[in-house]
Amino acid sequence: MFSQRHGQISRLTFRLLAGTLALFALLTARAARPDAADQVFFREGVIPKLRIEISPPELARLNKDNRSFVRCTIREGDDFIYSEVGIHLKGAAGSFRPVGDRPALTLNFDKFREKQKFHGLDKLHLNNSVQDGSYLNEHLASVIFNAGGVPAPRVSHARVWLNGRDLGFYVLKEGFDSQFLANHFGSKAGNFYDGGFCADVDQRKDRKLGRGTNDQADLKALVAAAREPDLAKRAERLDQTLAIDQFLSLVAMEMMTAHWDGYARNRNNYRLYNHPAVNKLVFLPSGMDQLFGDPNFPVFDSMGGLVTSGLWQLPQTKLQYRDRVSHLLTNVFTAEFLTNEIARVHARVRPVLAEINEGAAKNFDNTTRDIQNRVLARIAGIQKQLGIQPMKPVTPGPNGVLKLAKWQAQVDAGEPKMADAADQAGVKSLEINLDKPSRVVASWRSRVLLDAGKYRFEGKVATKGVVPLKEPTGEGAGLRISGSSRPNQLSGDSDWKNVTFEFDVPAASTEVVLVCELRAEKGRAWFDLGSLQLVRQN
């Protein structure tokens, strides 16, 4: 009997995937389409200074009922004033603070004044980050989940004052609202639910958005599907009610980031949206301020939650989930991607903290190094659970020199020709050739795991007819490490020249990506393979 059912389930696998991959593609396409707030504010904008003013009568109302909106005025720097902004306190058991302390806040800019927006946003949260002294966890989670095709609110930071009192540095987070749904799903018409505190999907939800009778029939259908005793029928019913492919990515990301307080492990910190285009429920992550705490946090077991448990009993799910974890570890959850993002945020945040006091800035230096080490340890922990042999630290030879032979091509823009054994004037070289004039950003890359210390990356570079792009990361041809900008550059026609790039490795077992790069509109560049080397300087 089981063999017959297993055959039915195997055939259903393709139907299950066909129904969810279309939605997954829609989600990732929407997430990759930035709006004005994303381009100008979240990625490039300065960290705002927000002075919140609440009148005595409104403050009295807020003290009486801190979860209901009252009116306030917000001044952003010296140039912008937002009037009649809705404000209330937020936070759960660990993060809630009263208004006289250092409260976490929700701001709704069009609550009392129609069409008023803040950098394109209707609603945002100011989190006091009392459970995340690094100010980085929610930002990293947002970047990782969105890159993996799971919609998550975008995150930045802010300086905050309340009625003249300096509250300090806050995490600024995009709100879950109709605008968020429209940005990611192209629609805001479906039911949108708050998951509640440690409450599974079989408990009644607070519907934040939606039309018609609030009978929560979509949630009841999902609960019934997850409890269906016949596994073949369960697979079919779950496919009809749940965006399964997206759910597998959400679970993978929660477990990979060691988000112990999410849906997969604790039935907490989640939202649900019934996507009207496919009439399936999509799980969305929330409350991701306590991550990367355990490098060996289990990725493949100890699941909780009715939906997770019901899905994991299907024979095909564990294999699909393992493939998803492997895919994300290779394409999203990488040391290069995460350490680059940490470095980018550090460079943006540190000057603002230094304005508060130098002690806050130095503390942020320490916490940034700590979270980077925890991220790298977590990657190694996941690799161990997958049975992947982690990279081993490389040590330069007796003369402090490590020759570099293994290189991979990477094209970030344009369509250059890449050759890893080009002959340039009798020299075996890595070549980047702009066969047709266009904007090109391309590189040859080599990954190494290094101990703490000072290093110099060096090699000989030649160019022909290079018209450089003038970008902050670098111009023309040159050498650097990923996540940095480079002062060295060659352009025009240049015979072989020795190029160097010096850098520090702050902690042991740090993965570093060495980059031989061309940023240009036209021309060719060669990198002498025999000369490319890493020199330890201390």
Protein backbone atom coordinates (compact mmCIF):
# COMPACT_ATOMS: atom_id res chain seq x y z
CA MET A 1 0.00 0.00 0.00
CA PHE A 2 2.81 2.41 0.91
CA SER A 3 4.61 1.63 -2.35
CA GLN A 4 1.51 2.59 -4.32
CA ARG A 5 1.14 5.83 -2.35
CA HIS A 6 4.83 6.62 -2.75
CA GLY A 7 4.42 6.32 -6.51
CA GLN A 8 1.46 8.66 -6.42
CA ILE A 9 3.43 11.17 -4.38
CA SER A 10 6.44 10.99 -6.71
CA ARG A 11 4.23 11.79 -9.69
CA LEU A 12 2.66 14.62 -7.73
CA THR A 13 6.09 16.17 -7.13
CA PHE A 14 6.18 17.63 -10.62
CA ARG A 15 2.67 19.05 -10.29
CA LEU A 16 3.57 20.50 -6.89
CA LEU A 17 6.67 22.21 -8.24
CA ALA A 18 4.92 23.48 -11.36
CA GLY A 19 2.30 25.21 -9.25
CA THR A 20 4.81 26.92 -6.95
CA LEU A 21 7.74 27.75 -9.22
CA ALA A 22 5.64 30.29 -11.12
CA LEU A 23 4.90 32.09 -7.87
CA PHE A 24 8.55 31.84 -6.79
CA ALA A 25 9.61 33.42 -10.09
CA LEU A 26 7.05 36.19 -9.58
CA LEU A 27 8.36 36.90 -6.09
CA THR A 28 12.01 37.06 -7.13
CA ALA A 29 11.16 39.23 -10.15
CA ARG A 30 9.24 41.68 -7.97
CA ALA A 31 11.99 41.72 -5.33
CA ALA A 32 14.60 42.53 -7.97
CA ARG A 33 12.63 45.60 -9.11
CA PRO A 34 13.74 48.44 -6.78
CA ASP A 35 11.54 51.43 -6.12
CA ALA A 36 12.71 54.97 -5.33
CA ALA A 37 12.96 54.25 -1.60
CA ASP A 38 15.20 51.26 -2.27
CA GLN A 39 17.59 53.06 -4.60
CA VAL A 40 17.85 56.41 -2.86
CA PHE A 41 17.12 55.70 0.78
CA PHE A 42 17.91 52.11 1.72
CA ARG A 43 21.00 51.64 -0.44
CA GLU A 44 22.44 55.10 -1.05
CA GLY A 45 20.80 57.63 1.24
CA VAL A 46 22.26 59.18 4.37
CA ILE A 47 21.14 57.93 7.77
CA PRO A 48 18.37 60.37 8.80
CA LYS A 49 18.16 62.37 12.00
CA LEU A 50 14.55 62.23 13.19
CA ARG A 51 13.22 64.59 15.87
CA ILE A 52 9.80 63.39 17.04
CA GLU A 53 7.52 65.83 18.84
CA ILE A 54 4.38 64.64 20.65
CA SER A 55 2.14 67.24 22.27
CA PRO A 56 1.18 66.77 25.97
CA PRO A 57 -2.45 65.73 25.22
CA GLU A 58 -1.32 63.19 22.60
CA LEU A 59 1.43 61.93 24.90
CA ALA A 60 -1.13 61.37 27.65
CA ARG A 61 -3.23 59.32 25.22
CA LEU A 62 -0.17 57.28 24.24
CA ASN A 63 0.69 56.56 27.88
CA LYS A 64 -2.87 55.39 28.46
CA ASP A 65 -2.97 53.12 25.39
CA ASN A 66 0.49 52.67 23.91
CA ARG A 67 -0.69 50.42 21.04
CA SER A 68 -3.09 52.95 19.51
CA PHE A 69 -1.95 55.64 17.08
CA VAL A 70 -1.67 59.23 18.28
CA ARG A 71 -0.50 62.28 16.31
CA CYS A 72 3.04 63.61 16.23
CA THR A 73 5.29 65.90 14.19
CA ILE A 74 8.60 64.65 12.79
CA ARG A 75 11.48 66.84 11.69
CA GLU A 76 14.05 65.24 9.42
CA GLY A 77 17.23 67.29 9.73
CA ASP A 78 16.64 70.98 9.06
CA ASP A 79 14.77 70.64 5.78
CA PHE A 80 11.72 68.37 6.11
CA ILE A 81 8.75 68.48 8.47
CA TYR A 82 6.05 65.79 8.53
CA SER A 83 2.90 66.76 10.40
CA GLU A 84 0.11 64.61 11.82
CA VAL A 85 2.13 61.40 11.61
CA GLY A 86 0.60 58.42 13.38
CA ILE A 87 2.79 56.97 16.12
CA HIS A 88 2.48 54.18 18.69
CA LEU A 89 4.78 51.97 20.74
CA LYS A 90 5.79 48.51 19.58
CA GLY A 91 7.75 45.52 20.82
CA ALA A 92 7.17 42.22 22.55
CA ALA A 93 8.42 40.76 25.82
CA GLY A 94 12.12 41.29 25.13
CA SER A 95 12.11 44.60 23.25
CA PHE A 96 9.18 46.61 24.64
CA ARG A 97 10.12 49.76 26.53
CA PRO A 98 7.73 52.47 27.88
CA VAL A 99 7.62 55.89 26.27
CA GLY A 100 9.70 57.40 29.08
CA ASP A 101 12.50 54.92 28.45
CA ARG A 102 13.88 54.10 25.00
CA PRO A 103 10.76 52.85 23.21
CA ALA A 104 10.50 51.02 19.93
CA LEU A 105 8.10 52.93 17.67
CA THR A 106 5.80 52.45 14.70
CA LEU A 107 5.27 55.46 12.42
CA ASN A 108 2.46 55.75 9.87
CA PHE A 109 2.93 58.84 7.72
CA ASP A 110 -0.44 58.73 5.97
CA LYS A 111 -2.51 57.63 8.98
CA PHE A 112 -3.98 61.11 9.51
CA ARG A 113 -2.68 62.90 6.43
CA GLU A 114 -3.54 61.31 3.10
CA LYS A 115 -0.69 60.48 0.70
CA GLN A 116 2.04 61.73 3.03
CA LYS A 117 5.17 59.62 2.62
CA PHE A 118 8.68 59.34 4.04
CA HIS A 119 11.18 58.64 1.26
CA GLY A 120 8.42 56.83 -0.60
CA LEU A 121 7.25 54.89 2.46
CA ASP A 122 3.84 55.00 4.17
CA LYS A 123 4.81 53.01 7.26
CA LEU A 124 8.05 52.26 9.08
CA HIS A 125 9.31 50.99 12.42
CA LEU A 126 12.06 52.37 14.64
CA ASN A 127 13.46 49.41 16.57
CA ASN A 128 15.47 50.10 19.72
CA SER A 129 17.67 47.07 19.01
CA VAL A 130 17.93 46.21 22.71
CA GLN A 131 18.34 42.55 21.74
CA ASP A 132 20.87 43.24 18.99
CA GLY A 133 23.75 45.46 20.03
CA SER A 134 25.31 45.08 16.58
CA TYR A 135 22.41 46.87 14.81
CA LEU A 136 23.15 44.42 11.97
CA ASN A 137 21.02 41.30 12.37
CA GLU A 138 17.78 42.64 10.91
CA HIS A 139 19.62 44.31 8.05
CA LEU A 140 21.53 41.14 7.13
CA ALA A 141 18.36 39.07 7.38
CA SER A 142 16.50 41.47 5.08
CA VAL A 143 19.26 41.34 2.47
CA ILE A 144 19.61 37.54 2.66
CA PHE A 145 15.89 36.73 2.55
CA ASN A 146 15.20 39.11 -0.33
CA ALA A 147 18.19 37.80 -2.28
CA GLY A 148 16.84 34.29 -1.77
CA GLY A 149 13.40 35.16 -3.16
CA VAL A 150 11.60 35.55 0.18
CA PRO A 151 10.06 39.06 0.53
CA ALA A 152 11.20 40.80 3.70
CA PRO A 153 11.02 44.43 4.87
CA ARG A 154 14.04 46.54 3.96
CA VAL A 155 16.22 47.91 6.74
CA SER A 156 18.37 50.98 7.38
CA HIS A 157 19.17 53.06 10.49
CA ALA A 158 18.33 56.43 12.09
CA ARG A 159 19.27 58.84 14.89
CA VAL A 160 16.17 59.54 16.99
CA TRP A 161 15.07 62.24 19.46
CA LEU A 162 11.72 62.27 21.29
CA ASN A 163 10.51 65.63 22.63
CA GLY A 164 14.10 66.85 22.76
CA ARG A 165 15.42 63.72 24.51
CA ASP A 166 18.21 61.93 22.59
CA LEU A 167 17.16 58.28 22.27
CA GLY A 168 20.30 57.36 20.34
CA PHE A 169 20.75 55.03 17.40
CA TYR A 170 17.88 52.95 15.99
CA VAL A 171 17.23 50.32 13.35
CA LEU A 172 14.79 51.71 10.78
CA LYS A 173 12.62 49.04 9.17
CA GLU A 174 10.06 49.15 6.38
CA GLY A 175 6.55 48.31 7.54
CA PHE A 176 4.30 45.49 6.40
CA ASP A 177 1.51 47.39 4.63
CA SER A 178 -0.36 47.63 1.33
CA GLN A 179 2.63 49.34 -0.29
CA PHE A 180 4.93 46.47 0.73
CA LEU A 181 2.51 43.95 -0.75
CA ALA A 182 2.14 45.93 -3.99
CA ASN A 183 5.93 46.23 -4.37
CA HIS A 184 6.53 42.49 -3.97
CA PHE A 185 3.37 40.89 -5.32
CA GLY A 186 1.92 43.47 -7.68
CA SER A 187 -1.30 43.39 -5.66
CA LYS A 188 -2.60 44.34 -2.24
CA ALA A 189 -6.02 42.79 -2.60
CA GLY A 190 -5.51 39.50 -0.75
CA ASN A 191 -5.88 38.74 2.95
CA PHE A 192 -2.87 39.71 5.04
CA TYR A 193 -2.53 38.27 8.56
CA ASP A 194 -0.28 38.84 11.57
CA GLY A 195 0.87 35.44 12.83
CA GLY A 196 0.61 36.49 16.48
CA PHE A 197 2.86 35.61 19.42
CA CYS A 198 3.95 31.94 19.32
CA ALA A 199 0.64 31.08 17.66
CA ASP A 200 0.42 28.47 14.91
CA VAL A 201 -1.77 28.77 11.84
CA ASP A 202 -4.63 26.86 13.48
CA GLN A 203 -5.22 29.81 15.84
CA ARG A 204 -7.31 32.76 14.70
CA LYS A 205 -5.27 35.60 13.22
CA ASP A 206 -5.50 39.35 13.26
CA ARG A 207 -6.32 40.25 9.65
CA LYS A 208 -4.50 43.50 8.88
CA LEU A 209 -5.64 43.82 5.26
CA GLY A 210 -8.32 42.14 3.20
CA ARG A 211 -11.80 42.42 1.79
CA GLY A 212 -15.04 40.65 2.50
CA THR A 213 -16.01 38.48 5.44
CA ASN A 214 -13.15 37.67 7.76
CA ASP A 215 -13.97 33.96 8.03
CA GLN A 216 -10.28 33.01 7.53
CA ALA A 217 -11.30 30.23 5.18
CA ASP A 218 -7.89 30.33 3.47
CA LEU A 219 -6.13 29.62 6.77
CA LYS A 220 -8.58 26.84 7.64
CA ALA A 221 -7.94 25.22 4.25
CA LEU A 222 -4.18 25.27 4.90
CA VAL A 223 -4.65 23.72 8.35
CA ALA A 224 -6.85 20.97 6.91
CA ALA A 225 -4.31 20.27 4.17
CA ALA A 226 -1.43 19.98 6.64
CA ARG A 227 -3.47 17.53 8.74
CA GLU A 228 -4.67 15.37 5.84
CA PRO A 229 -3.81 11.78 6.85
CA ASP A 230 -3.40 10.45 3.29
CA LEU A 231 0.04 11.64 2.21
CA ALA A 232 -0.74 11.66 -1.51
CA LYS A 233 -3.83 13.78 -0.90
CA ARG A 234 -1.90 15.96 1.55
CA ALA A 235 0.68 16.79 -1.12
CA GLU A 236 -2.08 17.79 -3.52
CA ARG A 237 -4.01 19.83 -0.96
CA LEU A 238 -0.91 21.65 0.26
CA ASP A 239 -0.05 22.51 -3.33
CA GLN A 240 -3.50 24.07 -3.66
CA THR A 241 -3.23 26.20 -0.50
CA LEU A 242 0.47 26.97 0.12
CA ALA A 243 3.28 28.55 -1.93
CA ILE A 244 5.46 25.51 -1.21
CA ASP A 245 8.62 26.48 -3.06
CA GLN A 246 8.74 29.88 -1.37
CA PHE A 247 7.98 28.24 1.99
CA LEU A 248 10.97 25.90 1.59
CA SER A 249 13.18 28.94 0.99
CA LEU A 250 11.79 30.70 4.06
CA VAL A 251 12.42 27.66 6.26
CA ALA A 252 15.92 27.23 4.81
CA MET A 253 16.78 30.88 5.48
CA GLU A 254 15.40 30.77 9.03
CA MET A 255 17.44 27.68 9.85
CA MET A 256 20.59 28.87 8.05
CA THR A 257 20.57 32.20 9.93
CA ALA A 258 19.85 30.34 13.20
CA HIS A 259 16.59 32.29 13.52
CA TRP A 260 15.35 30.18 16.40
CA ASP A 261 12.35 32.45 17.02
CA GLY A 262 10.80 32.15 13.54
CA TYR A 263 7.97 30.01 12.25
CA ALA A 264 9.97 26.88 11.44
CA ARG A 265 11.29 26.44 14.96
CA ASN A 266 9.00 28.41 17.26
CA ARG A 267 5.77 29.24 15.34
CA ASN A 268 6.56 32.91 15.91
CA ASN A 269 7.52 36.09 14.04
CA TYR A 270 5.72 35.53 10.75
CA ARG A 271 3.05 37.05 8.52
CA LEU A 272 0.77 35.40 5.97
CA TYR A 273 -0.45 36.78 2.67
CA ASN A 274 -2.98 35.11 0.39
CA HIS A 275 -1.58 36.02 -3.01
CA PRO A 276 -4.67 36.69 -5.18
CA ALA A 277 -2.89 35.79 -8.44
CA VAL A 278 -2.60 32.14 -7.38
CA ASN A 279 -4.83 31.99 -4.28
CA LYS A 280 -2.05 30.47 -2.16
CA LEU A 281 -0.71 31.53 1.22
CA VAL A 282 2.79 32.98 1.37
CA PHE A 283 4.76 33.02 4.64
CA LEU A 284 6.78 36.18 5.33
CA PRO A 285 9.54 36.50 7.98
CA SER A 286 9.67 39.01 10.83
CA GLY A 287 11.43 39.79 14.13
CA MET A 288 14.90 38.77 12.96
CA ASP A 289 17.05 40.52 15.56
CA GLN A 290 18.63 37.45 17.17
CA LEU A 291 20.58 35.57 14.52
CA PHE A 292 23.83 33.61 14.10
CA GLY A 293 23.95 32.74 17.80
CA ASP A 294 24.91 29.08 17.34
CA PRO A 295 27.28 28.05 14.52
CA ASN A 296 25.99 24.46 14.80
CA PHE A 297 22.27 25.33 14.91
CA PRO A 298 20.50 22.39 13.19
CA VAL A 299 19.49 23.00 9.59
CA PHE A 300 17.71 19.72 8.92
CA ASP A 301 15.81 18.74 12.07
CA SER A 302 13.99 20.01 15.15
CA MET A 303 11.31 21.62 12.99
CA GLY A 304 8.19 23.00 14.67
CA GLY A 305 4.97 24.36 13.29
CA LEU A 306 1.95 22.61 11.88
CA VAL A 307 2.73 23.46 8.24
CA THR A 308 6.40 22.51 8.48
CA SER A 309 5.62 19.21 10.20
CA GLY A 310 2.89 18.35 7.72
CA LEU A 311 5.06 19.12 4.73
CA TRP A 312 8.13 17.32 6.08
CA GLN A 313 6.23 14.03 6.34
CA LEU A 314 5.98 13.94 2.54
CA PRO A 315 8.80 11.76 1.12
CA GLN A 316 9.89 14.29 -1.51
CA THR A 317 10.14 17.30 0.82
CA LYS A 318 13.39 16.53 2.61
CA LEU A 319 15.27 16.05 -0.65
CA GLN A 320 13.81 19.24 -2.11
CA TYR A 321 14.68 21.11 1.09
CA ARG A 322 18.25 19.81 1.12
CA ASP A 323 18.65 20.96 -2.49
CA ARG A 324 17.29 24.37 -1.52
CA VAL A 325 19.78 24.73 1.35
CA SER A 326 22.65 23.76 -0.97
CA HIS A 327 21.49 26.22 -3.63
CA LEU A 328 21.21 29.10 -1.17
CA LEU A 329 24.57 28.30 0.43
CA THR A 330 26.22 28.42 -3.00
CA ASN A 331 24.40 31.43 -4.46
CA VAL A 332 23.23 33.66 -1.59
CA PHE A 333 24.54 32.62 1.81
CA THR A 334 28.19 33.08 0.87
CA ALA A 335 31.11 34.53 2.81
CA GLU A 336 31.81 37.03 0.03
CA PHE A 337 28.24 38.31 -0.17
CA LEU A 338 27.73 38.59 3.59
CA THR A 339 31.11 40.04 4.56
CA ASN A 340 30.80 42.61 1.77
CA GLU A 341 27.40 43.67 3.11
CA ILE A 342 28.73 43.88 6.67
CA ALA A 343 31.61 46.06 5.49
CA ARG A 344 29.26 48.31 3.51
CA VAL A 345 26.96 48.89 6.49
CA HIS A 346 29.91 49.43 8.84
CA ALA A 347 31.28 52.17 6.58
CA ARG A 348 27.87 53.86 6.52
CA VAL A 349 27.01 53.57 10.21
CA ARG A 350 30.30 54.22 11.99
CA PRO A 351 30.51 57.98 11.27
CA VAL A 352 27.01 58.48 12.68
CA LEU A 353 27.89 56.59 15.86
CA ALA A 354 31.12 58.60 16.15
CA GLU A 355 28.97 61.76 16.27
CA ILE A 356 27.30 60.35 19.38
CA ASN A 357 30.65 59.45 20.96
CA GLU A 358 33.82 57.66 19.96
CA GLY A 359 33.09 54.89 22.44
CA ALA A 360 29.92 53.97 20.55
CA ALA A 361 31.88 53.90 17.30
CA LYS A 362 34.63 51.66 18.74
CA ASN A 363 32.02 49.36 20.25
CA PHE A 364 30.44 49.08 16.80
CA ASP A 365 33.85 48.15 15.37
CA ASN A 366 34.01 45.29 17.87
CA THR A 367 30.46 44.08 17.33
CA THR A 368 30.94 44.23 13.55
CA ARG A 369 34.00 42.00 13.80
CA ASP A 370 32.08 39.69 16.11
CA ILE A 371 29.10 39.28 13.79
CA GLN A 372 31.41 38.74 10.82
CA ASN A 373 33.16 35.95 12.72
CA ARG A 374 29.80 34.46 13.71
CA VAL A 375 28.59 34.55 10.10
CA LEU A 376 31.74 32.79 8.88
CA ALA A 377 31.43 30.21 11.68
CA ARG A 378 27.79 29.65 10.72
CA ILE A 379 28.72 29.02 7.08
CA ALA A 380 31.29 26.45 8.22
CA GLY A 381 28.65 24.86 10.48
CA ILE A 382 26.19 24.51 7.59
CA GLN A 383 28.90 23.07 5.36
CA LYS A 384 29.63 20.48 8.02
CA GLN A 385 25.96 19.48 8.22
CA LEU A 386 25.84 19.17 4.42
CA GLY A 387 29.01 17.08 4.42
CA ILE A 388 30.93 19.75 2.51
CA GLN A 389 34.64 19.96 3.25
CA PRO A 390 35.27 23.57 4.35
CA MET A 391 38.12 25.59 2.96
CA LYS A 392 41.39 25.23 4.82
CA PRO A 393 43.49 28.26 5.75
CA VAL A 394 46.41 28.81 3.41
CA THR A 395 49.81 29.84 4.73
CA PRO A 396 52.35 31.69 2.62
CA GLY A 397 55.67 29.88 2.22
CA PRO A 398 58.90 30.54 4.12
CA ASN A 399 59.46 33.78 2.21
CA GLY A 400 55.89 34.92 2.97
CA VAL A 401 54.73 34.40 -0.64
CA LEU A 402 51.73 32.40 -1.85
CA LYS A 403 51.42 31.85 -5.61
CA LEU A 404 47.85 32.06 -6.95
CA ALA A 405 46.83 29.64 -9.69
CA LYS A 406 43.07 28.94 -9.40
CA TRP A 407 40.91 31.68 -10.93
CA GLN A 408 37.25 31.93 -11.90
CA ALA A 409 35.65 34.44 -14.27
CA GLN A 410 32.86 36.74 -13.08
CA VAL A 411 30.92 39.19 -15.26
CA ASP A 412 28.84 41.81 -13.43
CA ALA A 413 27.99 43.98 -16.45
CA GLY A 414 28.39 43.77 -20.21
CA GLU A 415 29.51 40.88 -22.40
CA PRO A 416 33.32 40.70 -22.45
CA LYS A 417 35.39 37.79 -23.69
CA MET A 418 37.23 36.03 -20.87
CA ALA A 419 40.30 33.80 -21.43
CA ASP A 420 42.23 32.10 -18.61
CA ALA A 421 45.31 31.16 -20.69
CA ALA A 422 45.77 34.05 -23.09
CA ASP A 423 49.17 34.67 -24.69
CA GLN A 424 50.14 38.30 -24.40
CA ALA A 425 53.62 39.00 -25.74
CA GLY A 426 54.76 35.53 -24.70
CA VAL A 427 53.21 35.79 -21.21
CA LYS A 428 50.50 33.36 -20.04
CA SER A 429 47.74 35.63 -18.78
CA LEU A 430 44.17 36.08 -17.60
CA GLU A 431 42.46 38.23 -20.23
CA ILE A 432 39.36 40.46 -20.24
CA ASN A 433 38.53 41.67 -23.74
CA LEU A 434 35.81 44.18 -24.60
CA ASP A 435 35.21 42.89 -28.10
CA LYS A 436 32.48 45.50 -28.59
CA PRO A 437 32.40 48.88 -26.81
CA SER A 438 29.97 48.77 -23.90
CA ARG A 439 29.87 49.28 -20.14
CA VAL A 440 31.76 46.31 -18.71
CA VAL A 441 32.56 45.27 -15.15
CA ALA A 442 34.34 41.92 -15.20
CA SER A 443 36.97 40.14 -13.14
CA TRP A 444 38.98 37.02 -12.43
CA ARG A 445 38.63 35.87 -8.81
CA SER A 446 40.42 33.53 -6.43
CA ARG A 447 39.20 32.58 -2.96
CA VAL A 448 41.57 32.00 -0.04
CA LEU A 449 41.08 31.42 3.68
CA LEU A 450 43.60 33.50 5.62
CA ASP A 451 44.80 33.92 9.18
CA ALA A 452 44.81 37.37 10.78
CA GLY A 453 47.55 39.69 9.55
CA LYS A 454 48.67 42.24 6.97
CA TYR A 455 48.85 41.15 3.32
CA ARG A 456 49.82 42.49 -0.09
CA PHE A 457 48.16 41.23 -3.28
CA GLU A 458 50.37 41.90 -6.29
CA GLY A 459 50.90 41.08 -9.95
CA LYS A 460 51.73 42.48 -13.36
CA VAL A 461 48.98 44.07 -15.45
CA ALA A 462 48.92 45.29 -19.07
CA THR A 463 46.23 47.16 -21.03
CA LYS A 464 45.41 48.17 -24.58
CA GLY A 465 42.94 50.92 -25.55
CA VAL A 466 41.21 50.92 -22.16
CA VAL A 467 38.67 53.70 -21.64
CA PRO A 468 37.98 53.46 -17.91
CA LEU A 469 34.70 53.70 -16.09
CA LYS A 470 35.02 56.25 -13.30
CA GLU A 471 33.43 54.47 -10.35
CA PRO A 472 34.08 54.56 -6.56
CA THR A 473 35.10 50.90 -6.51
CA GLY A 474 37.80 51.44 -9.13
CA GLU A 475 38.70 52.66 -12.62
CA GLY A 476 40.14 50.75 -15.56
CA ALA A 477 42.22 47.66 -14.77
CA GLY A 478 43.63 46.83 -11.36
CA LEU A 479 43.81 44.55 -8.31
CA ARG A 480 41.80 44.59 -5.09
CA ILE A 481 39.92 42.28 -2.71
CA SER A 482 36.16 41.88 -2.86
CA GLY A 483 34.29 44.39 -0.71
CA SER A 484 36.92 47.10 -1.10
CA SER A 485 37.71 49.96 -3.47
CA ARG A 486 41.11 50.28 -5.14
CA PRO A 487 43.37 53.27 -5.72
CA ASN A 488 45.42 51.44 -8.37
CA GLN A 489 44.33 51.70 -12.00
CA LEU A 490 45.71 51.25 -15.50
CA SER A 491 44.06 52.62 -18.64
CA GLY A 492 44.91 53.49 -22.23
CA ASP A 493 47.87 51.52 -23.60
CA SER A 494 50.14 50.25 -20.84
CA ASP A 495 52.97 47.71 -20.99
CA TRP A 496 53.42 45.31 -18.08
CA LYS A 497 53.39 47.16 -14.76
CA ASN A 498 53.56 45.78 -11.25
CA VAL A 499 50.33 46.60 -9.33
CA THR A 500 49.85 46.12 -5.58
CA PHE A 501 46.94 46.20 -3.15
CA GLU A 502 47.48 46.05 0.63
CA PHE A 503 44.85 44.90 3.12
CA ASP A 504 44.34 43.67 6.67
CA VAL A 505 42.67 40.44 7.77
CA PRO A 506 41.18 41.13 11.24
CA ALA A 507 40.44 37.55 12.36
CA ALA A 508 41.65 34.01 11.78
CA SER A 509 39.98 31.81 9.16
CA THR A 510 38.61 34.73 7.16
CA GLU A 511 37.65 34.07 3.55
CA VAL A 512 39.09 36.67 1.19
CA VAL A 513 38.30 36.99 -2.50
CA LEU A 514 41.17 38.33 -4.61
CA VAL A 515 40.03 40.27 -7.68
CA CYS A 516 41.78 41.01 -11.00
CA GLU A 517 39.35 43.51 -12.48
CA LEU A 518 38.49 45.64 -15.50
CA ARG A 519 35.93 48.45 -15.32
CA ALA A 520 35.84 50.07 -18.74
CA GLU A 521 33.86 51.16 -21.80
CA LYS A 522 36.34 49.64 -24.25
CA GLY A 523 39.75 47.99 -24.41
CA ARG A 524 41.57 44.87 -23.17
CA ALA A 525 43.41 43.95 -20.01
CA TRP A 526 45.83 41.13 -19.18
CA PHE A 527 46.96 39.83 -15.77
CA ASP A 528 50.25 37.88 -15.75
CA LEU A 529 49.41 34.49 -14.21
CA GLY A 530 52.97 33.82 -13.14
CA SER A 531 53.24 37.10 -11.22
CA LEU A 532 49.95 36.98 -9.29
CA GLN A 533 50.78 36.31 -5.65
CA LEU A 534 49.89 37.06 -2.06
CA VAL A 535 52.60 38.33 0.30
CA ARG A 536 52.21 38.25 4.07
CA GLN A 537 53.75 41.37 5.56
CA ASN A 538 53.82 40.49 9.26
